[in-house]
Amino acid sequence: MRADDQDQIRWEARQGAGHGALASSGHPRRRTLLRGAALACAAPPLLLGFQGVSAQTRAGSAPAPRVTQLLDMSPSQQELSRDYSTGLRLAFAQLKEAQPQLPQLTTVETDGSPGAVAEALRAVAQDGSQLALLGTVGETTALHAMDQIQRQDLRLAHIGPWLFDTRHDADTRLLTFLASREQQLRYAMQSLAAAGVGELALVYPDARMAQDMAGATQALVTGMAMKMRVIAPAYGQGLQAFASRLPAATPFHLVFMGTSVELAEFVRGLGAHGMQRIVVCLTGVDPNTFTQLVPDNRVPVVFTQGVPNPRTGRVPLVLSYRQALARYFDEAPSPVSLAGYVVGRYAAQMFARLGSTPTRAQVLTEVQQRRAVGIDEWPLAFDKSGRGSAYVAQMLLNTRGKFVGS
């Protein structure tokens, strides 16, 4: 038996393989709307600004209250953005009948650049009907948006962005729902240490990121009986070429710090090299997207997630999500869209408390209170950092194409 198979079997045993291995989705993603009328509450995407004028405005009455989701539709981020947006729109569609006064959800597509984000945010800030930013994605876009909010000192809430970087956590205008990158990485390292792993490598997708995060990541291994190496491609070197040339002395366990697309490139390189390793990735990687990009992958990948496994129905939150997904979208469950669904459900509860005609100032005040809530028994209790959950779990995609884990 190969060493990687032995290690994989041990991982499956620790995670409770008795729960059953779950087959990965083998069909291409289909984003077909099955219940178009139910999604009438969500406005169509707009590109880099608000180009339309509502019927209410043309008639001279005040426009309906709105919230806006900024999307990064650059090639490396568009699948992530679509998944997160799917979850958010799903929550609004599910609840619109019971809460007809929900604000209209508008999406604004950008290329993720600072200029595009600044332009979109300026349009939001100048539109009196806009109550808040909701569910900004991806992470770079969320960081650009927070930079602009702080630079302009906007009195505008930023609710539930796809954001694991902690640099803005102290800003009370920001409300985040998932465990930070440091919390995820600490969990991953502690899990490996508990399994007797004595050495690992942190793999960064580029040298600049490795340099920027060197201090923070090194601090995480303090007190652990574990050696950690940091590796990254040289400037200008692609991830696939980098992975295909890793030396034999590279640790067996690799913790990858990049996105779905970057991970796909990296494991293709490992496969081409014939190097047997286990790769652990963080929440920035969506399992569905990865399996589409590398359908014949033979490298075991452990996915670290900030929400419960959406492929099972044991948790009431997941059951509600899967029922809504089956009703409104022809699409496989995804941790990313489940995370967006949590954000949408939280926002719906908040707007229900504020009544039918909330103001931007009222929304901001409500956000700053950071109320603890439960969503189908799933607790969100915001700590001093403003993060609603420190939940982290893992599941394994084994070399047979099966998902195993919680």
Protein backbone atom coordinates (compact mmCIF):
# COMPACT_ATOMS: atom_id res chain seq x y z
CA MET A 1 0.00 0.00 0.00
CA ARG A 2 1.34 3.45 -0.91
CA ALA A 3 2.17 5.94 1.82
CA ASP A 4 -0.42 8.41 0.63
CA ASP A 5 -3.15 5.73 0.73
CA GLN A 6 -2.18 4.78 4.27
CA ASP A 7 -2.26 8.40 5.39
CA GLN A 8 -5.58 8.96 3.66
CA ILE A 9 -7.14 5.91 5.34
CA ARG A 10 -5.96 7.14 8.72
CA TRP A 11 -7.54 10.55 8.00
CA GLU A 12 -10.85 8.92 7.00
CA ALA A 13 -10.85 6.84 10.17
CA ARG A 14 -10.26 9.92 12.34
CA GLN A 15 -13.07 11.82 10.64
CA GLY A 16 -15.60 9.02 11.05
CA ALA A 17 -15.90 7.30 7.73
CA GLY A 18 -19.02 5.65 9.13
CA HIS A 19 -20.92 8.79 8.15
CA GLY A 20 -20.56 7.58 4.57
CA ALA A 21 -18.52 8.77 1.62
CA LEU A 22 -20.34 11.28 -0.50
CA ALA A 23 -19.95 11.19 -4.25
CA SER A 24 -18.73 14.36 -5.88
CA SER A 25 -20.86 16.06 -8.50
CA GLY A 26 -19.93 14.74 -11.91
CA HIS A 27 -22.04 17.04 -14.05
CA PRO A 28 -21.19 20.60 -15.15
CA ARG A 29 -22.60 23.41 -13.04
CA ARG A 30 -25.96 24.60 -14.36
CA ARG A 31 -27.16 27.98 -13.15
CA THR A 32 -30.71 27.62 -14.45
CA LEU A 33 -33.37 29.54 -12.57
CA LEU A 34 -36.27 27.17 -11.90
CA ARG A 35 -38.53 29.61 -10.12
CA GLY A 36 -37.91 32.94 -11.84
CA ALA A 37 -40.95 34.65 -10.38
CA ALA A 38 -39.80 33.93 -6.84
CA LEU A 39 -36.56 35.79 -7.52
CA ALA A 40 -38.30 38.96 -8.62
CA CYS A 41 -37.06 40.59 -5.41
CA ALA A 42 -33.49 40.48 -6.76
CA ALA A 43 -32.60 43.07 -9.37
CA PRO A 44 -30.52 41.99 -12.39
CA PRO A 45 -26.75 42.48 -12.18
CA LEU A 46 -25.43 45.87 -13.21
CA LEU A 47 -21.92 46.53 -14.43
CA LEU A 48 -19.89 49.15 -12.59
CA GLY A 49 -22.75 51.33 -11.49
CA PHE A 50 -26.47 51.91 -11.29
CA GLN A 51 -27.49 52.42 -14.89
CA GLY A 52 -31.23 51.89 -14.59
CA VAL A 53 -34.00 54.09 -13.19
CA SER A 54 -36.79 52.35 -11.33
CA ALA A 55 -40.44 52.82 -12.26
CA GLN A 56 -41.05 54.38 -8.86
CA THR A 57 -38.38 57.00 -9.49
CA ARG A 58 -39.75 57.80 -12.95
CA ALA A 59 -43.17 58.25 -11.43
CA GLY A 60 -41.75 60.75 -8.96
CA SER A 61 -42.05 58.63 -5.81
CA ALA A 62 -39.20 57.58 -3.58
CA PRO A 63 -37.26 54.53 -4.82
CA ALA A 64 -37.60 51.27 -2.92
CA PRO A 65 -34.95 50.54 -0.28
CA ARG A 66 -32.08 48.53 -1.68
CA VAL A 67 -28.94 46.70 -0.61
CA THR A 68 -26.06 46.04 -2.98
CA GLN A 69 -23.73 43.11 -3.44
CA LEU A 70 -20.39 43.92 -5.11
CA LEU A 71 -19.07 41.00 -7.18
CA ASP A 72 -15.55 40.42 -8.46
CA MET A 73 -16.09 38.85 -11.89
CA SER A 74 -12.43 38.63 -12.87
CA PRO A 75 -11.48 35.20 -14.29
CA SER A 76 -9.97 33.84 -11.08
CA GLN A 77 -12.89 35.00 -8.89
CA GLN A 78 -16.06 34.67 -10.96
CA GLU A 79 -17.02 31.14 -9.87
CA LEU A 80 -16.54 32.07 -6.21
CA SER A 81 -18.59 35.24 -6.71
CA ARG A 82 -21.40 33.40 -8.47
CA ASP A 83 -21.59 30.77 -5.75
CA TYR A 84 -21.67 33.29 -2.90
CA SER A 85 -24.21 35.40 -4.76
CA THR A 86 -26.35 32.30 -5.37
CA GLY A 87 -26.62 31.68 -1.62
CA LEU A 88 -27.50 35.28 -0.87
CA ARG A 89 -30.14 35.47 -3.62
CA LEU A 90 -31.47 32.10 -2.53
CA ALA A 91 -32.13 33.40 1.00
CA PHE A 92 -33.93 36.47 -0.34
CA ALA A 93 -36.00 34.37 -2.73
CA GLN A 94 -36.99 31.93 0.01
CA LEU A 95 -38.05 34.66 2.44
CA LYS A 96 -39.60 37.19 0.10
CA GLU A 97 -43.10 35.73 0.37
CA ALA A 98 -43.04 35.86 4.19
CA GLN A 99 -41.21 39.21 4.24
CA PRO A 100 -42.47 41.24 1.28
CA GLN A 101 -40.82 44.37 2.70
CA LEU A 102 -37.31 42.97 2.26
CA PRO A 103 -35.09 45.54 0.51
CA GLN A 104 -34.41 44.95 -3.14
CA LEU A 105 -31.12 43.11 -3.70
CA THR A 106 -28.97 44.67 -6.42
CA THR A 107 -25.73 43.14 -7.67
CA VAL A 108 -22.93 45.19 -9.20
CA GLU A 109 -20.26 43.35 -11.16
CA THR A 110 -16.69 44.68 -11.14
CA ASP A 111 -13.30 43.45 -12.32
CA GLY A 112 -12.05 43.58 -8.73
CA SER A 113 -9.65 46.46 -9.33
CA PRO A 114 -9.43 49.31 -6.78
CA GLY A 115 -10.78 51.81 -9.32
CA ALA A 116 -13.79 49.69 -10.25
CA VAL A 117 -14.64 49.03 -6.61
CA ALA A 118 -14.28 52.73 -5.77
CA GLU A 119 -16.63 53.65 -8.63
CA ALA A 120 -19.24 51.11 -7.57
CA LEU A 121 -19.01 52.20 -3.93
CA ARG A 122 -19.35 55.85 -4.90
CA ALA A 123 -22.59 55.03 -6.73
CA VAL A 124 -23.91 53.20 -3.67
CA ALA A 125 -22.96 56.01 -1.29
CA GLN A 126 -24.62 58.66 -3.45
CA ASP A 127 -27.87 56.72 -3.86
CA GLY A 128 -30.18 57.57 -0.95
CA SER A 129 -32.18 54.38 -1.43
CA GLN A 130 -29.13 52.22 -0.69
CA LEU A 131 -29.09 50.90 2.88
CA ALA A 132 -25.87 48.84 3.00
CA LEU A 133 -23.35 46.70 1.20
CA LEU A 134 -24.33 43.05 1.58
CA GLY A 135 -22.23 39.98 0.75
CA THR A 136 -19.34 41.56 -1.15
CA VAL A 137 -17.16 38.91 -2.86
CA GLY A 138 -14.20 38.09 -3.41
CA GLU A 139 -11.83 38.98 -0.66
CA THR A 140 -9.72 41.55 -2.53
CA THR A 141 -12.90 43.39 -3.53
CA ALA A 142 -14.11 43.33 0.08
CA LEU A 143 -10.78 44.76 1.24
CA HIS A 144 -10.89 47.49 -1.42
CA ALA A 145 -14.43 48.35 -0.33
CA MET A 146 -13.43 48.62 3.33
CA ASP A 147 -10.42 50.75 2.39
CA GLN A 148 -12.75 53.17 0.60
CA ILE A 149 -15.31 53.18 3.42
CA GLN A 150 -12.57 54.11 5.87
CA ARG A 151 -10.83 56.59 3.60
CA GLN A 152 -14.08 58.45 2.93
CA ASP A 153 -15.43 57.84 6.45
CA LEU A 154 -18.73 56.62 4.99
CA ARG A 155 -21.61 55.93 7.37
CA LEU A 156 -22.38 52.73 5.50
CA ALA A 157 -22.66 49.20 6.88
CA HIS A 158 -20.72 46.40 5.19
CA ILE A 159 -22.53 43.17 6.04
CA GLY A 160 -21.22 39.66 5.44
CA PRO A 161 -18.44 40.13 2.88
CA TRP A 162 -16.31 37.16 1.81
CA LEU A 163 -13.47 38.27 4.06
CA PHE A 164 -11.02 36.28 6.17
CA ASP A 165 -8.36 38.95 6.52
CA THR A 166 -8.63 40.54 9.98
CA ARG A 167 -7.15 43.98 9.33
CA HIS A 168 -10.58 45.70 9.38
CA ASP A 169 -12.25 43.60 12.07
CA ALA A 170 -12.22 46.45 14.63
CA ASP A 171 -14.32 48.67 12.33
CA THR A 172 -17.89 48.55 13.68
CA ARG A 173 -19.31 49.21 10.21
CA LEU A 174 -18.13 45.72 9.24
CA LEU A 175 -19.93 42.51 10.17
CA THR A 176 -18.30 39.22 9.18
CA PHE A 177 -19.74 35.73 9.62
CA LEU A 178 -16.97 33.18 9.07
CA ALA A 179 -13.81 32.19 10.92
CA SER A 180 -10.77 34.27 10.06
CA ARG A 181 -7.87 32.90 8.04
CA GLU A 182 -5.81 32.66 11.22
CA GLN A 183 -8.55 30.67 12.98
CA GLN A 184 -8.83 28.29 10.03
CA LEU A 185 -5.09 27.85 9.77
CA ARG A 186 -4.75 27.25 13.50
CA TYR A 187 -7.45 24.56 13.31
CA ALA A 188 -5.74 22.89 10.35
CA MET A 189 -2.37 22.91 12.10
CA GLN A 190 -3.78 21.61 15.37
CA SER A 191 -5.57 18.80 13.51
CA LEU A 192 -2.33 17.78 11.84
CA ALA A 193 -0.40 18.02 15.11
CA ALA A 194 -3.01 15.86 16.86
CA ALA A 195 -2.54 13.25 14.13
CA GLY A 196 1.19 13.12 14.89
CA VAL A 197 2.38 15.23 11.96
CA GLY A 198 5.72 16.74 12.91
CA GLU A 199 6.42 18.86 9.85
CA LEU A 200 4.38 20.66 7.22
CA ALA A 201 4.85 23.22 4.50
CA LEU A 202 2.74 26.33 4.00
CA VAL A 203 2.35 26.83 0.27
CA TYR A 204 1.58 30.35 -0.93
CA PRO A 205 0.41 31.03 -4.48
CA ASP A 206 2.93 33.84 -4.90
CA ALA A 207 6.04 35.16 -3.21
CA ARG A 208 4.47 38.50 -2.25
CA MET A 209 1.72 36.84 -0.21
CA ALA A 210 4.30 34.65 1.52
CA GLN A 211 6.28 37.74 2.48
CA ASP A 212 3.23 39.70 3.66
CA MET A 213 1.96 36.90 5.91
CA ALA A 214 5.30 35.58 7.19
CA GLY A 215 5.03 37.02 10.70
CA ALA A 216 1.41 36.04 11.30
CA THR A 217 1.81 32.46 10.11
CA GLN A 218 5.04 31.87 12.01
CA ALA A 219 3.32 32.92 15.24
CA LEU A 220 0.71 30.21 14.77
CA VAL A 221 3.18 27.37 15.28
CA THR A 222 4.49 28.83 18.53
CA GLY A 223 3.97 26.22 21.23
CA MET A 224 3.30 23.41 18.74
CA ALA A 225 5.66 20.47 18.46
CA MET A 226 5.80 20.96 14.73
CA LYS A 227 8.24 22.30 12.17
CA MET A 228 6.86 24.55 9.46
CA ARG A 229 8.40 25.47 6.14
CA VAL A 230 7.11 28.26 3.90
CA ILE A 231 7.36 27.74 0.15
CA ALA A 232 6.12 29.80 -2.81
CA PRO A 233 6.85 30.07 -6.53
CA ALA A 234 9.47 32.54 -7.62
CA TYR A 235 8.30 35.80 -9.17
CA GLY A 236 6.91 35.02 -12.61
CA GLN A 237 6.80 31.25 -12.06
CA GLY A 238 3.46 29.52 -12.55
CA LEU A 239 2.01 27.31 -9.82
CA GLN A 240 1.86 24.22 -12.02
CA ALA A 241 5.51 24.53 -12.99
CA PHE A 242 6.41 25.26 -9.36
CA ALA A 243 4.59 22.15 -8.06
CA SER A 244 6.09 19.94 -10.77
CA ARG A 245 9.60 20.84 -9.57
CA LEU A 246 9.21 20.50 -5.80
CA PRO A 247 12.18 18.70 -4.26
CA ALA A 248 11.74 15.25 -2.77
CA ALA A 249 12.47 16.65 0.71
CA THR A 250 9.25 18.72 0.64
CA PRO A 251 7.06 17.78 3.66
CA PHE A 252 4.31 15.25 3.02
CA HIS A 253 1.54 17.57 4.32
CA LEU A 254 1.08 20.82 2.41
CA VAL A 255 -1.22 23.60 3.60
CA PHE A 256 -2.23 25.62 0.54
CA MET A 257 -3.14 29.29 1.00
CA GLY A 258 -4.66 30.17 -2.38
CA THR A 259 -7.94 30.06 -4.32
CA SER A 260 -9.75 27.28 -6.20
CA VAL A 261 -8.10 28.13 -9.52
CA GLU A 262 -4.66 28.37 -7.92
CA LEU A 263 -5.12 25.06 -6.10
CA ALA A 264 -6.15 23.40 -9.36
CA GLU A 265 -2.92 24.57 -11.00
CA PHE A 266 -0.87 23.42 -8.03
CA VAL A 267 -2.29 19.87 -7.83
CA ARG A 268 -1.98 19.46 -11.60
CA GLY A 269 1.71 20.12 -11.12
CA LEU A 270 1.91 17.61 -8.28
CA GLY A 271 0.18 15.04 -10.45
CA ALA A 272 2.53 15.65 -13.35
CA HIS A 273 5.47 15.28 -10.98
CA GLY A 274 4.08 12.04 -9.57
CA MET A 275 4.65 13.43 -6.07
CA GLN A 276 2.48 11.79 -3.41
CA ARG A 277 1.35 14.43 -0.92
CA ILE A 278 -1.75 15.48 1.03
CA VAL A 279 -2.88 19.06 0.44
CA VAL A 280 -4.91 20.96 3.04
CA CYS A 281 -6.66 24.12 1.82
CA LEU A 282 -8.66 26.85 3.55
CA THR A 283 -12.13 28.32 2.98
CA GLY A 284 -11.02 30.30 -0.08
CA VAL A 285 -11.28 27.07 -2.09
CA ASP A 286 -14.72 25.82 -3.16
CA PRO A 287 -14.85 22.02 -3.50
CA ASN A 288 -17.37 22.13 -6.37
CA THR A 289 -15.26 24.52 -8.41
CA PHE A 290 -12.11 22.53 -7.73
CA THR A 291 -13.63 19.21 -8.83
CA GLN A 292 -14.83 20.83 -12.06
CA LEU A 293 -11.35 22.19 -12.76
CA VAL A 294 -9.58 18.93 -11.91
CA PRO A 295 -12.13 16.13 -12.47
CA ASP A 296 -9.44 13.44 -12.60
CA ASN A 297 -7.48 14.60 -9.56
CA ARG A 298 -5.49 11.91 -7.76
CA VAL A 299 -4.06 14.11 -5.00
CA PRO A 300 -5.90 13.86 -1.64
CA VAL A 301 -7.23 17.31 -0.70
CA VAL A 302 -8.58 18.29 2.72
CA PHE A 303 -11.04 21.20 2.49
CA THR A 304 -11.27 23.46 5.54
CA GLN A 305 -14.70 25.09 5.78
CA GLY A 306 -16.36 27.75 7.94
CA VAL A 307 -19.86 26.26 7.58
CA PRO A 308 -21.24 22.73 8.11
CA ASN A 309 -20.96 20.26 5.28
CA PRO A 310 -23.72 21.27 2.80
CA ARG A 311 -23.79 17.78 1.31
CA THR A 312 -25.53 16.34 4.39
CA GLY A 313 -28.90 17.23 5.89
CA ARG A 314 -28.30 16.53 9.57
CA VAL A 315 -28.00 20.20 10.56
CA PRO A 316 -31.30 22.16 10.36
CA LEU A 317 -29.55 25.08 8.63
CA VAL A 318 -28.23 22.76 5.93
CA LEU A 319 -31.61 21.07 5.53
CA SER A 320 -33.30 24.44 4.97
CA TYR A 321 -30.59 25.48 2.52
CA ARG A 322 -30.82 22.26 0.52
CA GLN A 323 -34.61 22.44 0.34
CA ALA A 324 -34.44 26.02 -0.94
CA LEU A 325 -31.67 25.14 -3.38
CA ALA A 326 -33.70 22.26 -4.80
CA ARG A 327 -36.69 24.54 -5.24
CA TYR A 328 -35.07 27.59 -6.83
CA PHE A 329 -31.78 26.51 -8.47
CA ASP A 330 -30.60 23.50 -10.42
CA GLU A 331 -27.24 23.47 -8.72
CA ALA A 332 -25.11 21.28 -6.44
CA PRO A 333 -24.77 22.28 -2.75
CA SER A 334 -21.63 24.27 -2.06
CA PRO A 335 -19.97 25.55 1.14
CA VAL A 336 -19.58 28.92 -0.59
CA SER A 337 -23.26 29.29 -1.49
CA LEU A 338 -24.23 28.02 1.98
CA ALA A 339 -22.09 30.80 3.47
CA GLY A 340 -23.89 33.33 1.27
CA TYR A 341 -27.20 31.83 2.36
CA VAL A 342 -26.27 32.42 6.03
CA VAL A 343 -25.52 36.07 5.25
CA GLY A 344 -28.86 36.47 3.47
CA ARG A 345 -30.80 34.85 6.28
CA TYR A 346 -29.11 37.06 8.89
CA ALA A 347 -29.84 40.18 6.83
CA ALA A 348 -33.49 39.17 6.49
CA GLN A 349 -33.84 38.86 10.27
CA MET A 350 -32.21 42.24 10.72
CA PHE A 351 -34.50 43.99 8.24
CA ALA A 352 -37.54 42.33 9.83
CA ARG A 353 -36.56 43.95 13.14
CA LEU A 354 -36.17 47.35 11.47
CA GLY A 355 -39.61 47.37 9.84
CA SER A 356 -40.76 48.33 6.36
CA THR A 357 -38.93 51.65 5.87
CA PRO A 358 -35.47 51.41 7.42
CA THR A 359 -32.89 54.13 6.87
CA ARG A 360 -29.20 53.74 6.19
CA ALA A 361 -28.45 55.17 9.64
CA GLN A 362 -30.77 52.66 11.32
CA VAL A 363 -29.14 49.77 9.48
CA LEU A 364 -25.69 50.96 10.55
CA THR A 365 -26.79 51.31 14.18
CA GLU A 366 -28.24 47.80 14.08
CA VAL A 367 -25.02 46.40 12.62
CA GLN A 368 -22.94 48.11 15.28
CA GLN A 369 -24.94 46.35 18.00
CA ARG A 370 -23.74 42.98 16.66
CA ARG A 371 -26.72 41.04 17.93
CA ALA A 372 -26.39 37.32 18.54
CA VAL A 373 -28.95 35.34 16.55
CA GLY A 374 -29.80 31.79 15.58
CA ILE A 375 -30.54 30.74 12.01
CA ASP A 376 -32.34 27.40 12.03
CA GLU A 377 -30.50 26.60 15.27
CA TRP A 378 -27.16 27.70 13.78
CA PRO A 379 -25.71 30.23 16.27
CA LEU A 380 -24.07 33.50 15.31
CA ALA A 381 -22.56 35.23 18.34
CA PHE A 382 -20.28 38.08 17.40
CA ASP A 383 -17.08 38.37 19.41
CA LYS A 384 -15.05 41.53 20.03
CA SER A 385 -13.48 41.19 16.59
CA GLY A 386 -16.91 41.35 14.97
CA ARG A 387 -16.84 37.78 13.67
CA GLY A 388 -20.06 35.88 14.10
CA SER A 389 -18.57 32.40 14.11
CA ALA A 390 -15.28 30.66 14.80
CA TYR A 391 -16.66 27.35 13.46
CA VAL A 392 -14.19 25.33 11.39
CA ALA A 393 -14.54 21.80 10.02
CA GLN A 394 -12.80 19.69 7.40
CA MET A 395 -13.71 17.13 4.77
CA LEU A 396 -11.47 15.03 2.56
CA LEU A 397 -11.65 14.54 -1.18
CA ASN A 398 -9.86 11.22 -1.50
CA THR A 399 -8.04 9.75 -4.48
CA ARG A 400 -11.18 7.86 -5.49
CA GLY A 401 -13.11 11.09 -5.97
CA LYS A 402 -15.22 10.68 -2.82
CA PHE A 403 -15.85 13.26 -0.10
CA VAL A 404 -15.40 12.04 3.47
CA GLY A 405 -15.89 13.98 6.70
CA SER A 406 -18.21 16.05 8.81
